[in-house]
């Protein structure tokens, strides 16, 4: 009989190598040849009282495990360990690791313990190190905070059997409850010195790969629970996301804005040029759309007397997926009566400056532009402003045609001369958007306002006549590191003009532009009751979090991003 087969025969419940995962077979051969075993292995007591440890390939991925989950559960039950007990409040105070660190990190001397009280701590075993048969070290992680646990037979009040069972059978990934005294080792490591109640709350039945073993984005984002266990930076990004959302809410609440919720499902999707998701309401026997923006509902609330109103929520657009776009995303939109673009310029600069300080501790954040180069993005001073039409004409070396007339052919000729490809359908808004994204947006690394959009690109914005005589939309967009993060308008409140704008949008839709906005007679009817002069503002929350956390892809800032289907 081979050495590995001999070892295999000692595992209760397993009598054939055919029942063992291939990676575990290889590990058994390593054990038989006395090779070293990593601390992230699983251990099981054999029938002869010996401990068999099988090493798992750290890069095995989500599906890797040392022994079948059923075998480990069987062994735990054989040892009298309840694998999934009901949680019972401990007899001593249950404490959070973060509070232990705050209380003791700077108050205890090296080599001392607080023996005046015992505490109980729950968490997941992040690592295990066997110093000897009588001394085991664990790193316990709880809500992103780590504390060392020292399991010393000399300090443990239980009997030898209880100590041996816990020391040998509780492994990396297991969720446990520990009781003991808080202290510091001689080298100054803050630790929990276990004295009693080393209890398993939930076993981990699979091997958790090391950080280097889970780098494939497909595996990471399709197994997000595992990704967060391995890549702790991911949860830190989500915590900063929460800080951003709380900051926005507090900022607007302190300025007397009313937070509201508007419908996610409605009979038509308006408020932005975007392709909606369409569904069917069985109870009503009618087609419904998931919202692409809450704008039209929020402006109706302003008409109804809510002079300052905002909504933080999800939007849904049936469009592409890339580093800056996810079909489901989060925005904040607010509307303020008796305000204009100048108010919004100032408010945007102030909000982002204070947000950066609140979330990162500085008004300057690093941005990685290549593998070897990082630049600082500063929100401290007034942001750069670019007049779109003037900038485009300067870069093109010629004036733009009249965009309120049928100028598609002339614009396409300009694109051809400048080697700018525009996909069909060819409408004026789409062509102009392409020219702006080609010539101007790449220059917007530091915070930059783009303003003075053509009216035809902004069907919901009021007109502004400039000193040059040109009439443009009362609108700006804020770009940072080439990403649009804010879009703001002086809102069009003339119902007749609004109907005319919607009619032009309908023509674009008939010409194949699925993102053109539909006619909304109900909204136009509401405008007839009088919308006060209003400034409207929308922010892409996900992109702001990307910038403040240095995340290169939008999926990095979403707990569960949309993933493409796996092709069979």
Protein backbone atom coordinates (compact mmCIF):
# COMPACT_ATOMS: atom_id res chain seq x y z
CA UNK A 1 0.00 0.00 0.00
CA UNK A 2 1.35 3.50 -0.87
CA UNK A 3 2.10 6.02 1.85
CA UNK A 4 -0.70 8.32 0.69
CA UNK A 5 -3.18 5.44 0.58
CA UNK A 6 -2.13 4.46 4.09
CA UNK A 7 -2.79 7.97 5.33
CA UNK A 8 -6.08 8.06 3.47
CA UNK A 9 -7.27 4.93 5.23
CA UNK A 10 -7.00 6.73 8.58
CA UNK A 11 -9.59 9.38 7.71
CA UNK A 12 -12.99 8.40 9.12
CA UNK A 13 -15.68 8.13 6.47
CA UNK A 14 -13.27 7.86 3.53
CA UNK A 15 -12.18 4.46 2.32
CA UNK A 16 -11.24 5.14 -1.28
CA UNK A 17 -8.98 7.62 -2.99
CA UNK A 18 -11.67 7.99 -5.63
CA UNK A 19 -13.74 9.95 -3.11
CA UNK A 20 -11.04 12.54 -2.66
CA UNK A 21 -10.58 15.73 -4.69
CA UNK A 22 -7.53 15.45 -7.02
CA UNK A 23 -5.80 18.37 -5.30
CA UNK A 24 -6.24 16.66 -1.93
CA UNK A 25 -4.65 13.47 -3.31
CA UNK A 26 -1.56 15.43 -4.27
CA UNK A 27 -1.50 17.00 -0.83
CA UNK A 28 -1.63 13.58 0.82
CA UNK A 29 1.45 12.60 -1.12
CA UNK A 30 3.14 15.71 0.25
CA UNK A 31 2.18 14.75 3.79
CA UNK A 32 3.47 11.22 3.27
CA UNK A 33 6.82 12.57 2.14
CA UNK A 34 7.02 14.80 5.25
CA UNK A 35 6.79 18.05 3.31
CA UNK A 36 5.81 21.19 5.22
CA UNK A 37 2.14 21.98 5.66
CA UNK A 38 0.83 25.53 5.39
CA UNK A 39 -1.12 27.04 8.26
CA UNK A 40 -4.19 27.41 6.05
CA UNK A 41 -4.75 23.66 5.91
CA UNK A 42 -7.65 21.67 7.34
CA UNK A 43 -6.94 19.19 10.15
CA UNK A 44 -8.89 16.12 11.24
CA UNK A 45 -8.21 13.73 14.09
CA UNK A 46 -7.75 10.18 12.87
CA UNK A 47 -9.16 7.06 14.50
CA UNK A 48 -5.84 6.40 16.23
CA UNK A 49 -5.74 9.83 17.84
CA UNK A 50 -3.28 11.27 15.30
CA UNK A 51 -3.96 14.43 13.34
CA UNK A 52 -3.99 14.27 9.56
CA UNK A 53 -3.50 17.59 7.80
CA UNK A 54 -4.01 18.04 4.07
CA UNK A 55 -2.69 21.09 2.31
CA UNK A 56 -4.81 22.89 -0.25
CA UNK A 57 -3.30 24.60 -3.27
CA UNK A 58 -3.59 28.29 -2.38
CA UNK A 59 -4.44 29.14 -5.95
CA UNK A 60 -7.11 26.53 -6.33
CA UNK A 61 -9.84 29.13 -6.57
CA UNK A 62 -13.41 29.14 -5.26
CA UNK A 63 -13.99 25.46 -5.91
CA UNK A 64 -10.85 24.16 -4.16
CA UNK A 65 -11.18 22.11 -0.96
CA UNK A 66 -9.03 19.65 0.90
CA UNK A 67 -11.61 17.06 1.87
CA UNK A 68 -15.23 16.86 0.84
CA UNK A 69 -17.40 19.13 3.02
CA UNK A 70 -19.46 16.13 4.10
CA UNK A 71 -16.33 14.46 5.49
CA UNK A 72 -15.42 17.44 7.65
CA UNK A 73 -18.95 17.75 9.02
CA UNK A 74 -18.93 14.04 9.79
CA UNK A 75 -15.65 14.40 11.67
CA UNK A 76 -16.89 17.41 13.66
CA UNK A 77 -20.01 15.51 14.66
CA UNK A 78 -17.89 12.48 15.64
CA UNK A 79 -15.87 14.72 17.93
CA UNK A 80 -19.03 16.04 19.55
CA UNK A 81 -18.66 19.50 18.01
CA UNK A 82 -21.96 21.03 16.90
CA UNK A 83 -21.05 22.69 13.59
CA UNK A 84 -23.93 25.19 13.46
CA UNK A 85 -25.04 25.99 17.01
CA UNK A 86 -27.61 28.62 17.87
CA UNK A 87 -25.84 31.75 19.04
CA UNK A 88 -26.00 32.22 22.79
CA UNK A 89 -24.98 35.42 24.53
CA UNK A 90 -21.73 34.77 26.43
CA UNK A 91 -21.51 34.93 30.22
CA UNK A 92 -18.91 37.68 29.96
CA UNK A 93 -19.15 40.95 27.99
CA UNK A 94 -19.15 40.48 24.22
CA UNK A 95 -16.88 43.12 22.70
CA UNK A 96 -15.98 44.39 19.25
CA UNK A 97 -12.40 44.09 18.07
CA UNK A 98 -12.38 47.75 17.04
CA UNK A 99 -13.29 48.73 20.62
CA UNK A 100 -10.61 46.44 22.07
CA UNK A 101 -8.00 48.09 19.86
CA UNK A 102 -9.20 51.55 20.82
CA UNK A 103 -9.19 50.75 24.56
CA UNK A 104 -6.00 48.75 24.91
CA UNK A 105 -3.60 49.51 22.05
CA UNK A 106 -1.95 52.41 23.86
CA UNK A 107 -2.75 51.56 27.47
CA UNK A 108 -1.18 48.12 28.02
CA UNK A 109 2.51 47.48 28.55
CA UNK A 110 4.23 44.73 26.58
CA UNK A 111 3.92 41.34 28.28
CA UNK A 112 0.92 42.34 30.43
CA UNK A 113 -2.78 41.43 30.52
CA UNK A 114 -5.94 43.03 31.84
CA UNK A 115 -6.83 40.26 34.28
CA UNK A 116 -9.57 42.33 35.92
CA UNK A 117 -12.12 41.14 33.39
CA UNK A 118 -12.77 38.54 30.74
CA UNK A 119 -14.29 39.36 27.36
CA UNK A 120 -15.79 37.37 24.51
CA UNK A 121 -14.92 38.01 20.86
CA UNK A 122 -16.49 36.49 17.74
CA UNK A 123 -14.88 36.43 14.32
CA UNK A 124 -13.39 34.44 11.48
CA UNK A 125 -10.02 32.70 11.78
CA UNK A 126 -7.83 34.45 9.22
CA UNK A 127 -4.69 32.43 9.91
CA UNK A 128 -3.40 29.72 12.24
CA UNK A 129 0.14 29.03 13.43
CA UNK A 130 1.07 25.99 15.48
CA UNK A 131 4.00 26.83 17.76
CA UNK A 132 3.79 23.49 19.59
CA UNK A 133 1.24 20.94 20.76
CA UNK A 134 0.50 23.23 23.70
CA UNK A 135 0.56 26.63 21.98
CA UNK A 136 -1.39 27.79 18.92
CA UNK A 137 -1.70 31.31 17.51
CA UNK A 138 -4.73 32.53 15.58
CA UNK A 139 -5.44 35.79 13.78
CA UNK A 140 -9.12 36.61 14.19
CA UNK A 141 -10.79 39.07 11.83
CA UNK A 142 -14.05 40.84 12.64
CA UNK A 143 -15.64 43.49 10.43
CA UNK A 144 -12.28 44.42 8.92
CA UNK A 145 -10.38 44.57 12.22
CA UNK A 146 -7.86 41.92 13.27
CA UNK A 147 -6.69 40.72 16.68
CA UNK A 148 -4.33 37.91 17.57
CA UNK A 149 -5.66 35.08 19.75
CA UNK A 150 -3.24 33.05 21.88
CA UNK A 151 -4.37 29.50 22.69
CA UNK A 152 -2.00 28.35 25.44
CA UNK A 153 -2.65 25.12 27.33
CA UNK A 154 -1.18 26.68 30.47
CA UNK A 155 -3.82 29.45 30.46
CA UNK A 156 -6.79 27.43 29.22
CA UNK A 157 -9.21 26.34 31.97
CA UNK A 158 -10.62 23.39 30.02
CA UNK A 159 -9.25 19.85 30.08
CA UNK A 160 -6.60 18.39 27.79
CA UNK A 161 -9.14 16.80 25.46
CA UNK A 162 -11.05 20.07 24.94
CA UNK A 163 -7.80 21.92 24.26
CA UNK A 164 -6.56 19.29 21.80
CA UNK A 165 -9.90 19.16 19.96
CA UNK A 166 -10.04 22.93 19.49
CA UNK A 167 -6.35 23.31 18.66
CA UNK A 168 -6.38 20.60 16.01
CA UNK A 169 -9.81 20.92 14.45
CA UNK A 170 -10.53 24.64 14.21
CA UNK A 171 -9.03 25.96 11.00
CA UNK A 172 -8.59 28.97 8.73
CA UNK A 173 -11.98 30.31 7.68
CA UNK A 174 -13.91 28.93 10.66
CA UNK A 175 -16.13 31.36 12.56
CA UNK A 176 -15.56 31.05 16.30
CA UNK A 177 -16.34 32.61 19.67
CA UNK A 178 -13.40 33.06 22.06
CA UNK A 179 -13.26 34.09 25.72
CA UNK A 180 -10.27 35.33 27.66
CA UNK A 181 -8.18 38.28 28.83
CA UNK A 182 -6.94 41.07 26.58
CA UNK A 183 -3.21 41.61 26.78
CA UNK A 184 0.00 42.17 24.88
CA UNK A 185 2.72 39.69 24.06
CA UNK A 186 6.32 40.41 25.01
CA UNK A 187 6.82 41.83 21.51
CA UNK A 188 3.84 44.18 21.92
CA UNK A 189 1.22 42.34 19.82
CA UNK A 190 -2.29 43.09 21.12
CA UNK A 191 -3.89 39.69 21.76
CA UNK A 192 -6.75 37.82 23.34
CA UNK A 193 -5.35 35.16 25.69
CA UNK A 194 -7.96 32.41 25.57
CA UNK A 195 -8.97 30.99 28.95
CA UNK A 196 -12.27 29.25 28.15
CA UNK A 197 -15.15 28.90 25.68
CA UNK A 198 -13.36 28.27 22.39
CA UNK A 199 -16.57 27.55 20.45
CA UNK A 200 -17.16 26.86 16.77
CA UNK A 201 -20.07 28.93 15.42
CA UNK A 202 -19.83 28.02 11.73
CA UNK A 203 -17.17 25.93 9.96
CA UNK A 204 -15.60 26.85 6.63
CA UNK A 205 -15.91 23.78 4.42
CA UNK A 206 -13.75 25.04 1.55
CA UNK A 207 -10.19 26.27 1.31
CA UNK A 208 -9.97 30.04 1.13
CA UNK A 209 -7.29 30.89 -1.44
CA UNK A 210 -4.54 33.35 -0.67
CA UNK A 211 -4.69 36.84 -2.15
CA UNK A 212 -2.29 35.87 -4.91
CA UNK A 213 -4.50 32.90 -5.69
CA UNK A 214 -7.60 34.98 -6.50
CA UNK A 215 -6.68 37.65 -9.03
CA UNK A 216 -8.78 36.61 -12.03
CA UNK A 217 -11.52 39.31 -12.27
CA UNK A 218 -14.07 36.77 -13.53
CA UNK A 219 -13.58 34.54 -10.50
CA UNK A 220 -13.46 37.50 -8.13
CA UNK A 221 -16.67 39.19 -9.21
CA UNK A 222 -18.66 35.99 -9.76
CA UNK A 223 -17.73 34.87 -6.23
CA UNK A 224 -17.94 38.19 -4.43
CA UNK A 225 -18.27 36.62 -0.97
CA UNK A 226 -14.93 34.88 -1.52
CA UNK A 227 -13.38 37.98 -3.05
CA UNK A 228 -14.14 40.00 0.08
CA UNK A 229 -12.72 37.25 2.30
CA UNK A 230 -9.47 37.28 0.33
CA UNK A 231 -9.18 40.91 -0.81
CA UNK A 232 -9.93 43.00 2.25
CA UNK A 233 -9.41 46.21 0.25
CA UNK A 234 -12.72 45.48 -1.47
CA UNK A 235 -14.71 45.92 1.73
CA UNK A 236 -12.79 49.10 2.49
CA UNK A 237 -13.99 50.52 -0.85
CA UNK A 238 -17.59 49.70 0.13
CA UNK A 239 -17.07 51.44 3.46
CA UNK A 240 -15.86 54.56 1.67
CA UNK A 241 -18.86 54.30 -0.65
CA UNK A 242 -21.11 54.41 2.40
CA UNK A 243 -19.20 57.47 3.64
CA UNK A 244 -19.79 59.22 0.30
CA UNK A 245 -23.53 58.52 0.41
CA UNK A 246 -23.80 59.66 4.03
CA UNK A 247 -21.86 62.82 3.21
CA UNK A 248 -24.15 63.72 0.30
CA UNK A 249 -27.23 63.13 2.42
CA UNK A 250 -25.92 65.18 5.34
CA UNK A 251 -24.74 67.97 3.02
CA UNK A 252 -28.17 68.38 1.43
CA UNK A 253 -30.14 67.83 4.65
CA UNK A 254 -28.15 70.61 6.32
CA UNK A 255 -29.23 72.94 3.49
CA UNK A 256 -32.92 72.18 4.04
CA UNK A 257 -33.43 69.83 1.10
CA UNK A 258 -36.23 67.27 1.39
CA UNK A 259 -35.27 63.68 0.56
CA UNK A 260 -37.96 61.81 -1.38
CA UNK A 261 -38.53 58.57 -3.28
CA UNK A 262 -40.01 58.57 -6.77
CA UNK A 263 -41.21 55.61 -8.87
CA UNK A 264 -38.68 53.15 -10.25
CA UNK A 265 -41.38 51.64 -12.48
CA UNK A 266 -43.55 53.90 -14.63
CA UNK A 267 -45.38 53.89 -17.94
CA UNK A 268 -42.50 55.66 -19.68
CA UNK A 269 -38.90 56.52 -18.88
CA UNK A 270 -37.87 60.16 -19.24
CA UNK A 271 -35.48 62.68 -17.75
CA UNK A 272 -32.38 61.53 -19.65
CA UNK A 273 -31.33 60.42 -23.11
CA UNK A 274 -30.96 56.68 -22.48
CA UNK A 275 -32.43 53.35 -23.54
CA UNK A 276 -34.69 51.94 -20.80
CA UNK A 277 -35.40 48.43 -19.59
CA UNK A 278 -38.96 47.43 -20.48
CA UNK A 279 -41.15 44.99 -18.56
CA UNK A 280 -44.82 44.02 -18.32
CA UNK A 281 -47.09 44.49 -15.32
CA UNK A 282 -49.40 41.48 -15.31
CA UNK A 283 -51.89 42.93 -12.83
CA UNK A 284 -52.33 46.06 -14.94
CA UNK A 285 -51.76 44.35 -18.30
CA UNK A 286 -49.52 47.19 -19.41
CA UNK A 287 -45.94 47.83 -20.49
CA UNK A 288 -43.76 49.55 -17.91
CA UNK A 289 -40.27 51.02 -17.92
CA UNK A 290 -37.57 51.08 -15.28
CA UNK A 291 -36.48 54.64 -14.72
CA UNK A 292 -33.41 56.10 -16.38
CA UNK A 293 -33.57 59.24 -14.20
CA UNK A 294 -35.94 60.69 -11.56
CA UNK A 295 -35.82 64.21 -13.03
CA UNK A 296 -39.38 64.71 -14.26
CA UNK A 297 -40.93 63.44 -11.02
CA UNK A 298 -38.67 65.64 -8.89
CA UNK A 299 -39.55 68.76 -10.90
CA UNK A 300 -43.23 67.99 -10.42
CA UNK A 301 -42.57 68.04 -6.67
CA UNK A 302 -41.01 71.50 -7.05
CA UNK A 303 -44.15 72.59 -8.90
CA UNK A 304 -46.13 71.17 -5.97
CA UNK A 305 -44.29 73.37 -3.46
CA UNK A 306 -41.17 71.41 -2.43
CA UNK A 307 -38.66 74.14 -3.26
CA UNK A 308 -35.61 72.01 -2.38
CA UNK A 309 -35.84 68.31 -3.09
CA UNK A 310 -33.43 65.44 -3.74
CA UNK A 311 -33.28 61.70 -4.29
CA UNK A 312 -30.46 59.20 -3.83
CA UNK A 313 -31.29 56.02 -5.68
CA UNK A 314 -30.83 53.48 -8.44
CA UNK A 315 -31.21 54.18 -12.15
CA UNK A 316 -31.35 51.57 -14.92
CA UNK A 317 -30.14 51.97 -18.49
CA UNK A 318 -30.21 49.19 -21.06
CA UNK A 319 -26.87 50.09 -22.57
CA UNK A 320 -23.25 48.94 -22.66
CA UNK A 321 -21.00 47.70 -19.86
CA UNK A 322 -17.46 49.05 -19.50
CA UNK A 323 -15.10 50.55 -16.92
CA UNK A 324 -17.45 53.51 -16.35
CA UNK A 325 -20.89 51.99 -17.06
CA UNK A 326 -23.06 49.41 -15.30
CA UNK A 327 -26.72 48.86 -16.30
CA UNK A 328 -27.75 49.49 -12.68
CA UNK A 329 -26.11 52.48 -11.01
CA UNK A 330 -26.62 55.04 -8.24
CA UNK A 331 -27.20 58.76 -8.63
CA UNK A 332 -28.09 61.77 -6.54
CA UNK A 333 -30.34 64.40 -8.12
CA UNK A 334 -31.48 67.60 -6.46
CA UNK A 335 -33.62 70.54 -7.59
CA UNK A 336 -33.53 73.98 -6.01
CA UNK A 337 -36.05 76.70 -6.77
CA UNK A 338 -34.79 80.27 -7.21
CA UNK A 339 -31.25 79.25 -8.15
CA UNK A 340 -29.16 79.31 -11.32
CA UNK A 341 -25.97 77.81 -12.80
CA UNK A 342 -23.73 80.14 -10.80
CA UNK A 343 -25.16 78.71 -7.59
CA UNK A 344 -24.57 75.19 -8.88
CA UNK A 345 -20.97 75.91 -9.91
CA UNK A 346 -20.17 77.06 -6.38
CA UNK A 347 -22.15 74.30 -4.67
CA UNK A 348 -20.48 71.58 -6.75
CA UNK A 349 -16.98 72.83 -5.94
CA UNK A 350 -17.78 73.12 -2.26
CA UNK A 351 -19.46 69.70 -2.01
CA UNK A 352 -16.65 67.79 -3.71
CA UNK A 353 -13.93 69.63 -1.79
CA UNK A 354 -15.54 68.83 1.56
CA UNK A 355 -16.46 65.29 0.47
CA UNK A 356 -12.86 64.49 -0.43
CA UNK A 357 -11.68 65.80 2.94
CA UNK A 358 -14.35 63.84 4.80
CA UNK A 359 -13.76 60.53 3.02
CA UNK A 360 -10.00 60.59 2.37
CA UNK A 361 -8.73 63.20 4.82
CA UNK A 362 -7.49 65.51 2.06
CA UNK A 363 -8.86 67.66 -0.75
CA UNK A 364 -6.25 66.04 -3.00
CA UNK A 365 -6.54 62.39 -4.06
CA UNK A 366 -4.04 60.26 -6.02
CA UNK A 367 -4.94 58.93 -9.47
CA UNK A 368 -2.98 56.22 -11.23
CA UNK A 369 -2.58 57.05 -14.93
CA UNK A 370 -0.22 54.18 -15.72
CA UNK A 371 1.56 51.30 -14.04
CA UNK A 372 4.42 53.60 -13.12
CA UNK A 373 2.86 57.06 -12.87
CA UNK A 374 0.43 58.61 -10.38
CA UNK A 375 -0.83 62.18 -10.33
CA UNK A 376 -2.71 64.19 -7.70
CA UNK A 377 -6.28 65.28 -8.40
CA UNK A 378 -7.06 68.46 -6.48
CA UNK A 379 -10.54 69.61 -5.45
CA UNK A 380 -9.15 72.49 -3.38
CA UNK A 381 -9.35 75.46 -5.76
CA UNK A 382 -11.92 76.70 -8.27
CA UNK A 383 -12.38 74.21 -11.10
CA UNK A 384 -11.34 74.91 -14.68
CA UNK A 385 -14.16 75.94 -17.07
CA UNK A 386 -14.31 75.24 -20.82
CA UNK A 387 -16.83 76.78 -23.22
CA UNK A 388 -17.69 73.79 -25.41
CA UNK A 389 -18.58 75.55 -28.67
CA UNK A 390 -15.60 77.90 -28.59
CA UNK A 391 -13.20 75.10 -27.69
CA UNK A 392 -14.50 72.80 -30.44
CA UNK A 393 -14.26 75.48 -33.11
CA UNK A 394 -10.72 76.29 -32.02
CA UNK A 395 -9.66 72.63 -32.24
CA UNK A 396 -11.46 72.07 -35.55
CA UNK A 397 -10.06 75.24 -37.07
CA UNK A 398 -13.46 76.17 -38.50
CA UNK A 399 -16.88 77.31 -37.27
CA UNK A 400 -19.59 74.77 -36.56
CA UNK A 401 -22.74 74.84 -38.71
CA UNK A 402 -26.12 75.99 -37.45
CA UNK A 403 -27.10 73.09 -35.19
CA UNK A 404 -30.77 74.07 -35.14
CA UNK A 405 -31.04 73.32 -38.86
CA UNK A 406 -30.51 70.08 -40.79
CA UNK A 407 -26.73 70.02 -40.42
CA UNK A 408 -26.06 66.28 -40.08
CA UNK A 409 -24.23 66.07 -43.43
CA UNK A 410 -21.97 69.02 -42.59
CA UNK A 411 -21.14 67.57 -39.17
CA UNK A 412 -20.34 64.16 -40.67
CA UNK A 413 -18.02 65.87 -43.14
CA UNK A 414 -16.20 67.54 -40.22
CA UNK A 415 -15.90 64.17 -38.49
CA UNK A 416 -14.52 62.57 -41.63
CA UNK A 417 -11.89 65.29 -42.07
CA UNK A 418 -10.78 64.81 -38.45
CA UNK A 419 -10.93 61.01 -38.53
CA UNK A 420 -13.69 60.82 -35.92
CA UNK A 421 -15.91 57.78 -36.39
CA UNK A 422 -19.59 58.12 -35.45
CA UNK A 423 -21.81 55.04 -35.44
CA UNK A 424 -25.37 55.19 -36.71
CA UNK A 425 -27.94 56.54 -36.19
CA UNK A 426 -26.54 59.90 -37.23
CA UNK A 427 -28.37 62.61 -35.30
CA UNK A 428 -27.00 66.02 -34.36
CA UNK A 429 -26.88 65.29 -30.60
CA UNK A 430 -25.01 62.01 -31.15
CA UNK A 431 -22.47 63.57 -33.53
CA UNK A 432 -21.84 66.53 -31.24
CA UNK A 433 -21.45 64.22 -28.26
CA UNK A 434 -18.84 62.25 -30.20
CA UNK A 435 -16.89 65.39 -31.13
CA UNK A 436 -16.87 66.56 -27.51
CA UNK A 437 -15.76 63.16 -26.22
CA UNK A 438 -12.99 63.02 -28.85
CA UNK A 439 -11.54 66.53 -28.60
CA UNK A 440 -12.35 67.86 -25.12
CA UNK A 441 -13.09 65.17 -22.54
CA UNK A 442 -9.60 63.58 -22.62
CA UNK A 443 -8.17 66.93 -21.45
CA UNK A 444 -10.38 66.94 -18.36
CA UNK A 445 -8.10 65.16 -15.88
CA UNK A 446 -8.27 67.79 -13.15
CA UNK A 447 -11.87 68.81 -12.24
CA UNK A 448 -13.24 70.68 -15.28
CA UNK A 449 -16.65 72.18 -16.03
CA UNK A 450 -17.81 71.87 -19.65
CA UNK A 451 -20.53 74.44 -20.29
CA UNK A 452 -22.30 76.15 -23.18
CA UNK A 453 -23.77 73.00 -24.75
CA UNK A 454 -25.82 73.30 -27.95
CA UNK A 455 -29.51 73.57 -27.13
CA UNK A 456 -30.29 70.52 -29.26
CA UNK A 457 -28.22 68.37 -26.87
CA UNK A 458 -30.18 69.53 -23.81
CA UNK A 459 -33.95 69.19 -24.29
CA UNK A 460 -34.74 69.90 -20.62
CA UNK A 461 -32.46 72.95 -20.14
CA UNK A 462 -33.30 76.64 -20.36
CA UNK A 463 -31.68 78.83 -23.05
CA UNK A 464 -28.92 81.30 -22.18
CA UNK A 465 -27.81 84.08 -24.54
CA UNK A 466 -24.09 84.79 -24.21
CA UNK A 467 -22.40 88.17 -24.66
CA UNK A 468 -21.04 86.84 -27.97
CA UNK A 469 -24.61 86.64 -29.25
CA UNK A 470 -24.66 82.82 -29.33
CA UNK A 471 -27.54 81.07 -27.58
CA UNK A 472 -26.61 77.91 -25.67
CA UNK A 473 -28.17 75.60 -23.12
CA UNK A 474 -28.04 76.61 -19.47
CA UNK A 475 -26.08 73.51 -18.60
CA UNK A 476 -22.73 72.23 -17.40
CA UNK A 477 -21.06 68.87 -16.98
CA UNK A 478 -18.23 68.22 -14.54
CA UNK A 479 -15.47 65.88 -15.69
CA UNK A 480 -12.72 64.44 -13.49
CA UNK A 481 -10.03 62.05 -14.82
CA UNK A 482 -11.99 61.99 -18.07
CA UNK A 483 -15.21 60.79 -16.42
CA UNK A 484 -18.47 62.73 -16.32
CA UNK A 485 -19.57 62.85 -12.69
CA UNK A 486 -22.04 65.78 -12.59
CA UNK A 487 -24.65 67.11 -15.02
CA UNK A 488 -26.52 70.30 -14.13
CA UNK A 489 -29.17 72.54 -15.74
CA UNK A 490 -31.13 75.67 -15.38
CA UNK A 491 -34.44 73.91 -15.90
CA UNK A 492 -36.70 74.73 -18.83
CA UNK A 493 -40.04 75.85 -17.35
CA UNK A 494 -41.89 76.99 -20.49
CA UNK A 495 -44.43 74.24 -21.33
CA UNK A 496 -44.70 75.30 -24.99
CA UNK A 497 -40.94 75.13 -25.53
CA UNK A 498 -40.79 71.85 -23.66
CA UNK A 499 -43.38 70.28 -25.99
CA UNK A 500 -41.41 71.51 -29.00
CA UNK A 501 -38.19 69.99 -27.60
CA UNK A 502 -39.89 66.65 -26.96
CA UNK A 503 -41.26 66.71 -30.52
CA UNK A 504 -37.73 67.11 -31.92
CA UNK A 505 -36.58 64.25 -29.69
CA UNK A 506 -39.36 62.12 -31.11
CA UNK A 507 -38.03 62.78 -34.62
CA UNK A 508 -34.61 61.52 -33.53
CA UNK A 509 -36.23 58.42 -32.04
CA UNK A 510 -38.04 57.75 -35.32
CA UNK A 511 -34.67 58.05 -37.07
CA UNK A 512 -33.30 55.22 -34.94
CA UNK A 513 -31.96 56.95 -31.83
CA UNK A 514 -33.23 54.68 -29.04
CA UNK A 515 -31.83 57.04 -26.40
CA UNK A 516 -33.94 60.04 -27.44
CA UNK A 517 -36.51 61.13 -24.86
CA UNK A 518 -40.20 60.39 -25.42
CA UNK A 519 -42.98 62.97 -25.35
CA UNK A 520 -44.31 63.33 -21.79
CA UNK A 521 -47.63 65.15 -21.94
CA UNK A 522 -48.25 64.70 -18.21
CA UNK A 523 -45.05 66.55 -17.37
CA UNK A 524 -45.79 69.32 -19.87
CA UNK A 525 -49.25 69.64 -18.34
CA UNK A 526 -47.68 69.99 -14.90
CA UNK A 527 -45.44 72.79 -16.20
CA UNK A 528 -48.58 74.75 -17.09
CA UNK A 529 -49.20 75.19 -13.34
CA UNK A 530 -45.88 77.03 -13.05
CA UNK A 531 -42.40 75.71 -12.30
CA UNK A 532 -40.41 78.43 -10.50
CA UNK A 533 -36.94 79.25 -11.86
CA UNK A 534 -35.14 76.09 -10.83
CA UNK A 535 -31.60 74.72 -10.95
CA UNK A 536 -31.22 70.95 -11.24
CA UNK A 537 -28.16 68.82 -10.50
CA UNK A 538 -27.27 65.14 -10.87
CA UNK A 539 -24.19 63.20 -9.71
CA UNK A 540 -23.02 59.70 -10.61
CA UNK A 541 -22.24 58.33 -7.16
CA UNK A 542 -20.40 55.23 -8.40
CA UNK A 543 -17.93 57.28 -10.44
CA UNK A 544 -17.24 59.64 -7.55
CA UNK A 545 -16.44 56.63 -5.37
CA UNK A 546 -14.13 55.36 -8.13
CA UNK A 547 -12.18 58.61 -8.06
CA UNK A 548 -11.97 58.92 -4.27
CA UNK A 549 -10.86 55.29 -3.84
CA UNK A 550 -8.56 55.07 -6.87
CA UNK A 551 -10.68 52.27 -8.36
CA UNK A 552 -10.06 51.73 -12.06
CA UNK A 553 -13.34 49.94 -12.86
CA UNK A 554 -16.91 50.68 -11.80
CA UNK A 555 -17.40 47.05 -10.72
CA UNK A 556 -14.77 47.64 -8.00
CA UNK A 557 -17.14 50.03 -6.20
CA UNK A 558 -20.28 47.88 -6.51
CA UNK A 559 -20.99 45.08 -4.05
CA UNK A 560 -22.40 42.88 -6.82
CA UNK A 561 -21.75 44.27 -10.32
CA UNK A 562 -23.57 43.02 -13.39
CA UNK A 563 -21.56 40.30 -15.14
CA UNK A 564 -21.85 39.01 -18.68
CA UNK A 565 -23.40 35.58 -19.12
CA UNK A 566 -20.98 32.67 -19.27
CA UNK A 567 -21.03 31.16 -22.74
CA UNK A 568 -21.40 27.39 -22.71
